Protein backbone atom coordinates (compact mmCIF):
# COMPACT_ATOMS: atom_id res chain seq x y z
CA MET A 1 18.91 -36.79 23.26
CA ASP A 2 16.80 -37.82 26.24
CA PHE A 3 13.15 -38.58 25.62
CA ASP A 4 10.90 -41.21 27.16
CA PHE A 5 7.92 -42.43 25.17
CA LEU A 6 4.76 -43.16 27.12
CA PRO A 7 3.37 -46.71 27.29
CA GLY A 8 1.60 -47.53 24.06
CA GLU A 9 3.20 -44.79 21.95
CA LEU A 10 5.83 -47.06 20.44
CA ASP A 11 3.15 -49.66 19.71
CA ASP A 12 1.08 -47.01 17.93
CA ILE A 13 4.08 -46.15 15.76
CA MET A 14 4.88 -49.77 14.93
CA LYS A 15 1.28 -50.66 14.14
CA GLN A 16 1.21 -48.00 11.45
CA ALA A 17 4.73 -48.59 10.19
CA ILE A 18 4.84 -52.38 9.77
CA ALA A 19 1.50 -53.91 10.74
CA SER A 20 -1.01 -51.72 8.89
CA SER A 21 -1.05 -53.97 5.81
CA ASN A 22 -1.34 -57.24 7.75
CA GLU A 23 -3.46 -57.47 10.87
CA ASP A 24 -1.89 -60.84 11.71
CA THR A 25 1.58 -59.33 12.07
CA CYS A 26 2.98 -59.82 15.55
CA TYR A 27 6.13 -58.22 16.89
CA ILE A 28 8.04 -57.60 20.09
CA ILE A 29 9.88 -54.32 20.65
CA ASP A 30 13.36 -55.14 21.85
CA HIS A 31 14.90 -51.67 22.25
CA TYR A 32 14.53 -48.08 21.12
CA GLU A 33 16.81 -45.06 21.04
CA VAL A 34 16.39 -41.40 20.11
CA LYS A 35 19.59 -40.17 18.50
CA PRO A 36 20.21 -36.43 18.19
CA THR A 37 20.79 -35.15 14.69
CA LEU A 38 22.02 -31.77 13.50
CA GLY A 39 21.54 -31.60 9.76
CA GLU A 40 21.94 -28.52 7.58
CA ASN A 41 18.19 -28.08 7.38
CA ASN A 42 17.24 -28.45 11.03
CA GLY A 43 15.29 -25.54 12.41
CA PHE A 44 14.72 -24.45 15.99
CA ILE A 45 11.05 -25.37 16.37
CA GLY A 46 11.65 -28.39 18.56
CA ASP A 47 14.56 -30.74 19.19
CA ILE A 48 15.12 -32.95 16.14
CA GLY A 49 16.39 -36.51 16.28
CA LYS A 50 16.16 -39.96 14.77
CA LEU A 51 14.09 -42.64 16.47
CA VAL A 52 15.47 -46.17 16.01
CA ILE A 53 13.22 -49.04 17.11
CA GLU A 54 14.67 -52.54 17.23
CA PHE A 55 12.04 -55.29 17.16
CA ARG A 56 11.50 -58.99 16.47
CA ASP A 57 8.77 -60.11 14.10
CA VAL A 58 7.20 -63.17 15.72
CA THR A 59 4.66 -63.82 12.99
CA TRP A 60 5.11 -67.55 12.36
CA GLU A 61 4.18 -67.85 8.68
CA ARG A 62 6.72 -65.42 7.29
CA PRO A 63 7.97 -66.40 3.84
CA GLN A 64 11.71 -66.23 3.12
CA ARG A 65 12.63 -65.07 6.62
CA GLU A 66 13.47 -66.74 9.87
CA PRO A 67 11.16 -65.80 12.75
CA PHE A 68 12.46 -63.77 15.67
CA GLU A 69 15.17 -62.09 13.58
CA LEU A 70 16.18 -58.73 15.05
CA GLU A 71 15.15 -55.88 12.75
CA SER A 72 14.98 -52.10 13.04
CA CYS A 73 12.95 -49.14 11.78
CA GLU A 74 14.05 -45.52 11.66
CA PHE A 75 11.84 -42.45 12.00
CA LEU A 76 12.29 -38.69 12.19
CA VAL A 77 11.27 -37.31 15.57
CA LYS A 78 10.66 -33.76 16.79
CA VAL A 79 10.41 -33.36 20.54
CA GLN A 80 8.83 -30.58 22.58
CA PRO A 81 11.85 -28.82 24.14
CA PRO A 82 11.81 -27.99 27.84
CA ALA A 83 11.17 -24.35 28.59
CA GLY A 84 14.70 -23.53 29.65
CA GLN A 85 17.45 -21.05 29.22
CA TYR A 86 16.95 -20.21 25.53
CA ALA A 87 14.26 -18.01 24.07
CA SER A 88 13.79 -20.48 21.22
CA SER A 89 12.69 -23.13 23.73
CA ARG A 90 10.36 -20.69 25.44
CA TYR A 91 9.03 -19.60 22.05
CA VAL A 92 7.99 -23.17 21.21
CA THR A 93 6.34 -23.79 24.57
CA ASP A 94 4.76 -20.37 25.11
CA ARG A 95 3.28 -20.29 21.60
CA GLY A 96 1.93 -23.80 21.93
CA VAL A 97 3.58 -24.98 18.71
CA PHE A 98 3.13 -28.61 19.73
CA SER A 99 -0.40 -28.04 21.02
CA TYR A 100 -1.87 -27.74 17.54
CA ARG A 101 0.27 -30.43 15.89
CA PRO A 102 -2.12 -33.28 16.82
CA GLU A 103 -4.98 -31.59 15.00
CA LEU A 104 -2.76 -30.60 12.09
CA TYR A 105 -1.07 -33.96 11.48
CA ASN A 106 -3.83 -36.32 12.67
CA GLU A 107 -6.81 -34.58 11.10
CA VAL A 108 -6.07 -31.74 8.67
CA LEU A 109 -3.35 -33.26 6.49
CA PRO A 110 -5.04 -36.69 6.19
CA PHE A 111 -8.32 -34.94 5.37
CA VAL A 112 -6.72 -32.80 2.66
CA THR A 113 -4.78 -35.74 1.23
CA ARG A 114 -8.02 -37.54 0.42
CA TYR A 115 -8.90 -34.80 -2.05
CA ARG A 116 -5.75 -34.76 -4.11
CA ARG A 117 -6.20 -36.20 -7.57
CA GLU A 118 -4.71 -39.64 -7.87
CA GLY A 119 -1.27 -39.63 -9.41
CA ASN A 120 1.94 -41.47 -8.81
CA ARG A 121 2.22 -42.98 -5.36
CA CYS A 122 5.43 -41.01 -4.83
CA GLU A 123 3.62 -37.69 -5.12
CA ASP A 124 2.64 -37.46 -1.46
CA LEU A 125 1.73 -34.13 0.07
CA ALA A 126 3.74 -34.76 3.22
CA PRO A 127 5.81 -37.43 4.95
CA LYS A 128 3.71 -40.11 6.66
CA CYS A 129 2.94 -39.23 10.26
CA TYR A 130 3.00 -42.08 12.78
CA LEU A 131 2.51 -40.16 16.02
CA ALA A 132 1.55 -36.56 16.79
CA ASN A 133 0.70 -35.27 20.24
CA ARG A 134 1.60 -32.38 22.51
CA ARG A 135 4.99 -33.90 23.34
CA VAL A 136 6.38 -35.40 20.16
CA LEU A 137 5.96 -35.68 16.39
CA VAL A 138 7.13 -38.87 14.63
CA THR A 139 7.19 -39.09 10.83
CA GLU A 140 8.82 -41.29 8.23
CA ASP A 141 12.47 -40.58 7.48
CA LEU A 142 12.46 -39.67 3.80
CA LEU A 143 16.23 -39.18 3.74
CA ALA A 144 16.54 -42.92 4.32
CA GLN A 145 14.39 -43.48 1.21
CA GLY A 146 16.68 -41.70 -1.22
CA PHE A 147 15.45 -38.13 -0.80
CA TYR A 148 17.99 -35.36 -0.35
CA ALA A 149 17.87 -31.86 1.09
CA ARG A 150 19.54 -28.83 -0.40
CA PRO A 151 21.85 -26.98 2.00
CA LYS A 152 20.34 -23.76 3.29
CA GLY A 153 21.28 -20.73 1.26
CA CYS A 154 22.14 -22.64 -1.94
CA TRP A 155 20.34 -21.67 -5.12
CA LEU A 156 18.23 -24.46 -6.58
CA GLY A 157 18.64 -26.07 -9.97
CA LEU A 158 15.97 -25.54 -12.60
CA GLU A 159 14.77 -29.11 -12.17
CA GLU A 160 14.46 -28.63 -8.42
CA LEU A 161 12.60 -25.35 -8.86
CA ARG A 162 10.02 -27.00 -11.10
CA ALA A 163 9.64 -29.96 -8.76
CA GLY A 164 9.18 -27.62 -5.78
CA LEU A 165 6.51 -25.57 -7.54
CA ARG A 166 4.67 -28.73 -8.57
CA ALA A 167 4.69 -29.81 -4.90
CA LEU A 168 3.21 -26.45 -3.88
CA ALA A 169 0.57 -26.74 -6.61
CA ARG A 170 -0.39 -30.23 -5.39
CA PHE A 171 -0.86 -28.94 -1.85
CA HIS A 172 -2.76 -25.81 -2.88
CA SER A 173 -5.06 -27.73 -5.24
CA ALA A 174 -5.79 -30.42 -2.64
CA GLY A 175 -6.93 -27.75 -0.20
CA MET A 176 -9.08 -26.11 -2.88
CA LEU A 177 -10.70 -29.44 -3.77
CA ALA A 178 -11.39 -30.15 -0.10
CA ASP A 179 -13.08 -26.76 0.30
CA ARG A 180 -15.04 -27.08 -2.94
CA ARG A 181 -16.37 -30.58 -2.36
CA ASN A 182 -17.36 -29.93 1.25
CA HIS A 183 -19.04 -26.60 0.42
CA SER A 184 -17.09 -24.96 3.24
CA THR A 185 -13.49 -24.13 4.03
CA LEU A 186 -11.08 -25.89 6.33
CA ARG A 187 -11.22 -22.72 8.43
CA ASP A 188 -14.83 -23.62 9.22
CA ARG A 189 -14.02 -27.27 9.90
CA PHE A 190 -10.91 -26.56 12.03
CA PRO A 191 -11.52 -23.06 13.46
CA ARG A 192 -8.94 -23.27 16.25
CA LEU A 193 -6.13 -24.08 13.86
CA PHE A 194 -7.02 -21.53 11.20
CA GLU A 195 -8.16 -18.58 13.28
CA ARG A 196 -7.14 -15.75 10.98
CA ARG A 197 -6.80 -12.87 13.41
CA GLU A 198 -4.49 -14.78 15.73
CA ARG A 199 -2.33 -15.93 12.83
CA LYS A 200 -1.90 -12.41 11.48
CA ALA A 201 -1.17 -11.01 14.93
CA ARG A 202 1.55 -13.61 15.40
CA PHE A 203 3.08 -12.80 12.05
CA VAL A 204 3.17 -9.08 12.76
CA GLU A 205 4.63 -9.61 16.22
CA ALA A 206 7.19 -12.28 15.34
CA ARG A 207 8.34 -11.18 11.90
CA ILE A 208 7.44 -7.70 10.74
CA GLY A 209 8.43 -5.73 13.83
CA LYS A 210 11.77 -7.42 14.34
CA GLY A 211 12.50 -7.56 10.64
CA VAL A 212 12.02 -3.81 10.22
CA VAL A 213 14.53 -3.16 13.00
CA PHE A 214 17.11 -5.40 11.33
CA VAL A 215 16.70 -3.78 7.91
CA GLU A 216 16.94 -0.31 9.44
CA LYS A 217 20.17 -1.28 11.21
CA VAL A 218 21.65 -2.46 7.91
CA LEU A 219 20.66 0.82 6.27
CA GLU A 220 22.27 2.76 9.12
CA LEU A 221 25.62 1.27 8.16
CA SER A 222 25.32 2.48 4.57
CA PRO A 223 25.00 5.79 2.71
CA LEU A 224 21.25 5.14 2.77
CA ALA A 225 21.06 5.71 6.52
CA ALA A 226 19.04 8.89 5.95
CA VAL A 227 16.04 6.97 4.57
CA ARG A 228 12.90 8.27 6.24
CA ASP A 229 9.86 6.27 7.41
CA PHE A 230 11.07 2.94 6.04
CA GLY A 231 9.27 0.92 8.71
CA GLU A 232 5.97 2.68 8.04
CA ALA A 233 6.22 2.09 4.28
CA LEU A 234 7.11 -1.58 4.70
CA THR A 235 4.33 -2.26 7.19
CA LYS A 236 1.80 -0.62 4.88
CA ALA A 237 2.95 -2.70 1.90
CA LEU A 238 2.87 -5.97 3.83
CA ASP A 239 -0.51 -5.17 5.33
CA ARG A 240 -1.89 -4.55 1.84
CA ALA A 241 -0.53 -7.87 0.56
CA TYR A 242 -1.68 -9.95 3.54
CA ASN A 243 -5.00 -8.40 4.42
CA ARG A 244 -6.59 -7.67 1.08
CA ASP A 245 -10.09 -9.14 1.19
CA ASP A 246 -10.96 -12.18 -0.88
CA GLU A 247 -13.71 -10.18 -2.56
CA ASP A 248 -11.03 -8.05 -4.23
CA ARG A 249 -9.22 -11.05 -5.68
CA GLU A 250 -9.91 -13.19 -8.71
CA ALA A 251 -8.29 -16.12 -6.89
CA LYS A 252 -9.45 -16.72 -3.33
CA GLN A 253 -7.14 -17.51 -0.45
CA VAL A 254 -6.08 -21.14 -0.31
CA LEU A 255 -4.58 -23.50 2.23
CA SER A 256 -0.91 -22.49 2.14
CA HIS A 257 2.28 -23.98 3.52
CA GLY A 258 3.51 -20.74 5.08
CA ALA A 259 7.20 -21.67 5.17
CA ALA A 260 7.92 -22.44 1.52
CA TRP A 261 11.69 -22.20 1.76
CA PRO A 262 13.88 -24.57 -0.27
CA SER A 263 14.87 -26.14 3.06
CA SER A 264 11.23 -27.18 3.58
CA LEU A 265 11.37 -29.57 0.61
CA LEU A 266 13.06 -32.89 0.01
CA PHE A 267 13.93 -34.07 -3.49
CA ARG A 268 14.41 -37.45 -5.14
CA ARG A 269 14.90 -38.71 -8.66
CA LYS A 270 12.06 -40.95 -9.78
CA ASN A 271 14.27 -43.08 -12.02
CA PRO A 272 17.88 -42.36 -11.12
CA LYS A 273 20.34 -43.29 -13.84
CA ASN A 274 23.28 -43.26 -11.48
CA PRO A 275 22.86 -43.69 -7.72
CA GLU A 276 25.94 -41.55 -7.19
CA ASP A 277 24.40 -38.54 -8.94
CA GLY A 278 24.08 -35.65 -6.53
CA PRO A 279 21.71 -32.70 -6.43
CA GLU A 280 21.72 -30.06 -9.11
CA GLY A 281 23.85 -26.93 -8.97
CA SER A 282 22.66 -23.38 -9.39
CA SER A 283 19.66 -22.53 -11.53
CA ARG A 284 21.93 -21.39 -14.36
CA GLU A 285 23.41 -24.85 -14.85
CA SER A 286 20.25 -26.65 -15.98
CA THR A 287 18.59 -25.51 -19.16
CA GLU A 288 16.80 -28.55 -20.58
CA GLU A 289 13.27 -29.69 -19.74
CA GLU A 290 13.77 -32.47 -17.20
CA SER A 291 10.71 -31.88 -15.05
CA ASP A 292 9.62 -35.52 -14.95
CA GLU A 293 12.89 -36.79 -13.52
CA LEU A 294 12.64 -35.17 -10.09
CA GLU A 295 9.98 -35.22 -7.41
CA ALA A 296 9.65 -33.08 -4.30
CA VAL A 297 7.81 -33.48 -1.00
CA LEU A 298 6.94 -30.62 1.35
CA THR A 299 7.86 -30.98 5.02
CA ASP A 300 7.46 -28.84 8.17
CA TYR A 301 3.79 -27.84 8.05
CA ASP A 302 3.82 -25.91 11.33
CA ALA A 303 3.07 -22.57 9.65
CA VAL A 304 0.14 -23.79 7.52
CA HIS A 305 -2.59 -21.14 7.11
CA TYR A 306 -4.92 -19.57 4.56
CA ALA A 307 -3.29 -16.98 2.31
CA PRO A 308 -3.01 -15.95 -1.34
CA ARG A 309 -1.41 -18.90 -3.15
CA THR A 310 1.30 -16.68 -4.60
CA LEU A 311 2.74 -15.98 -1.14
CA ASP A 312 4.10 -19.53 -1.11
CA VAL A 313 5.13 -19.28 -4.76
CA ALA A 314 6.93 -15.94 -4.40
CA GLN A 315 8.61 -16.99 -1.16
CA PHE A 316 9.95 -20.15 -2.82
CA ILE A 317 11.16 -18.35 -5.95
CA TYR A 318 12.86 -15.49 -4.10
CA SER A 319 14.70 -17.83 -1.75
CA GLY A 320 15.55 -20.47 -4.34
CA VAL A 321 16.38 -18.66 -7.61
CA HIS A 322 19.65 -16.84 -8.17
CA PRO A 323 18.81 -13.12 -8.53
CA ARG A 324 20.49 -12.93 -11.93
CA ASP A 325 18.21 -15.69 -13.20
CA ARG A 326 14.96 -14.60 -11.59
CA LYS A 327 13.75 -12.19 -14.25
CA HIS A 328 14.07 -14.58 -17.18
CA LEU A 329 12.94 -17.67 -15.23
CA GLU A 330 9.87 -16.24 -13.49
CA ASP A 331 7.40 -16.64 -16.37
CA GLY A 332 8.44 -20.23 -17.00
CA LEU A 333 8.26 -21.12 -13.32
CA LEU A 334 4.84 -19.53 -12.90
CA SER A 335 3.66 -21.44 -15.98
CA CYS A 336 4.96 -24.68 -14.46
CA TYR A 337 3.00 -24.01 -11.27
CA GLN A 338 -0.14 -23.08 -13.19
CA ARG A 339 0.01 -26.20 -15.39
CA GLU A 340 0.19 -28.42 -12.33
CA MET A 341 -2.71 -26.56 -10.70
CA SER A 342 -4.82 -27.03 -13.85
CA ARG A 343 -3.91 -30.70 -14.06
CA ARG A 344 -4.86 -31.30 -10.44
CA LEU A 345 -8.06 -29.28 -10.42
CA GLY A 346 -9.37 -30.44 -13.76
CA GLU A 347 -12.14 -28.14 -14.94
CA PRO A 348 -11.77 -24.67 -13.37
CA GLY A 349 -14.17 -24.08 -10.55
CA PRO A 350 -14.86 -21.45 -7.89
CA GLY A 351 -11.70 -19.81 -6.62
CA PHE A 352 -9.60 -20.85 -9.60
CA ALA A 353 -8.10 -18.11 -11.75
CA GLY A 354 -6.09 -18.17 -14.95
CA TYR A 355 -2.46 -17.42 -15.64
CA GLU A 356 -2.87 -13.65 -16.01
CA ALA A 357 -4.57 -13.45 -12.61
CA LEU A 358 -1.74 -15.51 -11.17
CA LYS A 359 0.83 -13.05 -12.52
CA ARG A 360 -1.06 -10.04 -11.16
CA GLU A 361 -1.29 -11.58 -7.72
CA TYR A 362 2.38 -12.54 -7.87
CA GLU A 363 3.26 -8.89 -8.47
CA GLU A 364 1.35 -7.97 -5.32
CA THR A 365 3.00 -10.55 -3.12
CA ARG A 366 6.59 -10.33 -4.34
CA ILE A 367 7.19 -7.49 -1.84
CA VAL A 368 6.45 -9.98 0.95
CA ALA A 369 8.93 -12.43 -0.56
CA MET A 370 11.61 -9.72 -0.70
CA TYR A 371 11.03 -8.94 2.96
CA LEU A 372 11.06 -12.59 4.05
CA ALA A 373 14.31 -13.07 2.12
CA THR A 374 15.96 -10.50 4.40
CA ARG A 375 14.94 -12.69 7.37
CA TYR A 376 15.85 -16.07 5.89
CA LEU A 377 18.88 -15.76 3.64
CA PRO A 378 21.24 -13.91 6.04
CA ILE A 379 20.94 -16.90 8.38
CA CYS A 380 21.37 -19.42 5.57
CA TRP A 381 24.48 -17.67 4.27
CA LEU A 382 26.22 -18.16 7.60
CA ASP A 383 27.94 -21.48 6.95
CA ARG A 384 28.61 -23.92 9.74
CA ARG A 385 32.26 -22.92 9.89
CA THR A 386 31.29 -19.32 10.64
CA LEU A 387 28.67 -20.43 13.14
CA SER A 388 31.07 -22.81 14.86
CA VAL A 389 33.70 -20.09 15.23
CA ARG A 390 31.30 -17.53 16.67
CA TRP A 391 28.68 -19.59 18.48
CA ALA A 392 30.15 -23.10 18.68
CA ASP A 393 27.37 -25.32 20.05
CA ARG A 394 25.25 -22.35 21.11
CA LEU A 395 23.06 -22.23 18.00
CA ASP A 396 20.02 -21.66 20.21
CA GLU A 397 21.64 -18.42 21.34
CA PHE A 398 22.07 -17.36 17.72
CA TYR A 399 18.40 -17.96 16.94
CA ASP A 400 17.48 -16.13 20.14
CA ARG A 401 19.47 -13.07 19.11
CA PHE A 402 18.44 -12.83 15.48
CA VAL A 403 15.06 -14.49 15.08
CA LEU A 404 13.29 -13.99 18.39
CA THR A 405 14.62 -10.73 19.80
CA ASP A 406 15.47 -7.25 18.63
CA ASP A 407 19.20 -7.84 19.03
CA HIS A 408 20.61 -8.17 15.50
CA GLU A 409 24.26 -7.80 16.45
CA ALA A 410 24.70 -11.52 15.81
CA VAL A 411 24.40 -10.93 12.06
CA LEU A 412 25.77 -7.39 11.91
CA LYS A 413 29.02 -8.43 13.57
CA VAL A 414 29.61 -10.94 10.79
CA CYS A 415 28.98 -8.16 8.27
CA GLU A 416 31.74 -6.10 9.85
CA SER A 417 34.34 -8.83 9.39
CA ASP A 418 33.15 -10.56 6.21
CA ALA A 419 32.97 -8.26 3.18
CA LYS A 420 31.36 -10.85 0.91
CA TYR A 421 28.65 -11.59 3.43
CA ALA A 422 28.07 -7.87 4.04
CA LYS A 423 27.66 -7.27 0.31
CA ARG A 424 25.02 -9.98 -0.01
CA VAL A 425 23.02 -8.76 2.99
CA PHE A 426 23.13 -5.15 1.77
CA ARG A 427 21.86 -6.15 -1.67
CA LEU A 428 18.87 -7.91 -0.13
CA VAL A 429 18.01 -4.79 1.84
CA LYS A 430 18.54 -2.48 -1.12
CA GLN A 431 16.34 -4.68 -3.30
CA LEU A 432 13.53 -4.32 -0.77
CA LEU A 433 14.09 -0.56 -0.45
CA ARG A 434 13.94 -0.04 -4.22
CA ALA A 435 10.71 -2.02 -4.46
CA LEU A 436 9.08 0.10 -1.76
CA LEU A 437 10.21 3.34 -3.38
CA GLU A 438 8.86 2.34 -6.77
CA ARG A 439 5.42 1.39 -5.52
CA ASP A 440 4.82 3.96 -2.75
CA GLU A 441 4.64 7.54 -4.02
CA GLN A 442 4.51 9.15 -0.57
CA PHE A 443 7.55 7.19 0.60
CA ARG A 444 9.37 8.17 -2.60
CA GLU A 445 8.60 11.86 -2.11
CA LYS A 446 9.90 11.79 1.47
CA ASN A 447 13.20 10.38 0.22
CA ASP A 448 13.45 12.29 -3.05
CA GLU A 449 17.04 13.45 -2.49
CA LEU A 450 18.35 9.93 -1.82
CA VAL A 451 16.36 8.53 -4.72
CA ARG A 452 17.93 10.93 -7.21
CA ARG A 453 21.41 10.86 -5.72
CA TYR A 454 21.78 7.08 -5.80
CA GLY A 455 19.44 6.23 -8.67
CA LEU A 456 17.21 4.09 -6.46
CA VAL A 457 14.18 4.19 -8.76
CA ASN A 458 13.72 3.06 -12.31
CA TRP A 459 11.54 5.96 -13.43
CA LYS A 460 10.43 4.13 -16.56
CA LYS A 461 8.73 1.56 -14.38
CA VAL A 462 7.06 4.20 -12.25
CA VAL A 463 5.74 6.12 -15.26
CA THR A 464 4.63 3.19 -17.42
CA LYS A 465 3.16 1.06 -14.63
CA SER A 466 1.39 3.63 -12.52
CA ALA A 467 -2.16 2.31 -12.80
CA GLY A 468 -3.64 -0.16 -10.31
CA VAL A 469 -1.90 -3.39 -9.51
CA GLU A 470 0.45 -3.00 -12.48
CA ALA A 471 2.19 -0.23 -10.55
CA TRP A 472 3.68 -2.91 -8.38
CA MET A 473 7.17 -3.45 -9.64
CA SER A 474 7.47 -6.31 -12.13
CA ALA A 475 11.22 -6.44 -12.51
CA SER A 476 12.56 -5.66 -9.06
CA THR A 477 15.35 -8.18 -9.44
CA ALA A 478 17.62 -5.93 -11.47
CA SER A 479 21.30 -5.78 -10.56
CA LEU A 480 21.85 -4.65 -7.02
CA GLY A 481 25.44 -3.57 -7.10
CA GLU A 482 29.12 -3.78 -7.66
CA PRO A 483 31.09 -5.79 -5.07
CA ILE A 484 31.30 -3.98 -1.77
CA ALA A 485 34.69 -4.26 -0.10
CA SER A 486 33.44 -3.52 3.41
CA TRP A 487 30.81 -1.59 5.32
CA SER A 488 33.14 1.38 5.47
CA SER A 489 33.42 1.47 1.67
CA LEU A 490 29.68 1.44 0.97
CA ALA A 491 29.66 5.19 0.44
CA SER A 492 32.29 5.12 -2.29
CA THR A 493 30.65 2.30 -4.20
CA SER A 494 26.96 2.96 -3.73
CA ALA A 495 26.74 5.44 -6.59
CA SER A 496 27.72 2.73 -9.05
CA ILE A 497 25.51 0.05 -7.57
CA ASP A 498 23.00 0.07 -10.40
CA THR A 499 25.43 0.08 -13.31
CA SER A 500 26.30 -3.58 -13.71
CA ALA A 501 23.73 -6.19 -14.61
CA ALA A 502 26.25 -8.97 -14.45
CA THR A 503 27.43 -8.56 -10.88
CA SER A 504 27.00 -11.79 -8.94
CA ILE A 505 25.47 -11.90 -5.49
CA GLN A 506 27.30 -15.08 -4.79
């Protein structure tokens, strides 16, 4: 991984990493190297590597150490990719992803961190940042400190879910405290970074439009191909969730992470009993209260923006909780988040709302989480073996085809040859379709024949929850189907899709 640091940049990193606590520390940089890394949780927003700096501490009065001993420090580095042959590289450069990182990591996050309530030292909001400019981002390497990352697409354990929600609550509450104590919002203090109209336009352009095309292509391969006006109904629902004015909400918009996937968190046991213990399994395997044994730290703040707090919460729950567990775990997980918010904020103040308001807002935003799951999980479920067979080292091409363009053949071709994968993708899409049908009367009327033929709507929900916000489906995670042998057999199995509550989506 070729990258040349400018004169003084390595010194800036070392000053913060080893000399910040002792102004008399003197060192000589002997050598540095940027090693490429390709972990399970690497994204495509920049080239990711590990920076290794070898140095000699020449401070003479160093207890218990010989002077001039060769030492090394390791850091995580993200480099601005050259605008080259892949759309993902052009996306990063054209959108100016690195152009706003200096303001975000050098000003916003340190400013917000000052307003978090003091707790354990380990409860940081983000990894320490040592250098952020338009070319490169250098942060501490938490993996080298005992943190671990969950592989993409794996369901989280109950302990990990609670730790992740506490991390979100810490971040949300810190932003709220910063706004409250400065009598203005961070949008006013950093207008370029938090310009709302530009952010929403980017979301619509980069996610909604392309996502609708993908979902419609999946539906075309099923008996539900005759669904009418799906894109219109989805856009209307997402617009309602994203653009509802603060005046209509009990809880105001807060500083949000924007990419609250399980892969955006790192976990570590505070007091590990056995250093060989690994991460937890699925959410069904942990049933006891162990919330104090695990901590989580949020990473990858590139999508930070102001939004309803439950967008982060719903996105995390829908991408981290096994669908069979979601219904009976949701209340407990929301309570965990709310308790941490209350603990961090102390006495409720402006913008803070109680648990019932949290649940109502969660019902509004769960449709967004369902949609985002159709964009995130199909990629995560493609294991490295599948990717290596089909795209080898051309992962950039895969991201180009699925994430950044309207060409979804990259995923659909896997569906044609992998029945298990096809079944999981179809269930995600059908979950989203059912939610739209149950909360949009006009959309339901246009597709009345399909609704009745395949039992796509739980009429009890529609009848009993037809007033106001409560009409938004509260249990949309019901069973989504019997195993589907292949795309060609969808027609023969679709009629029985809603009959088994125990069918696994694994």
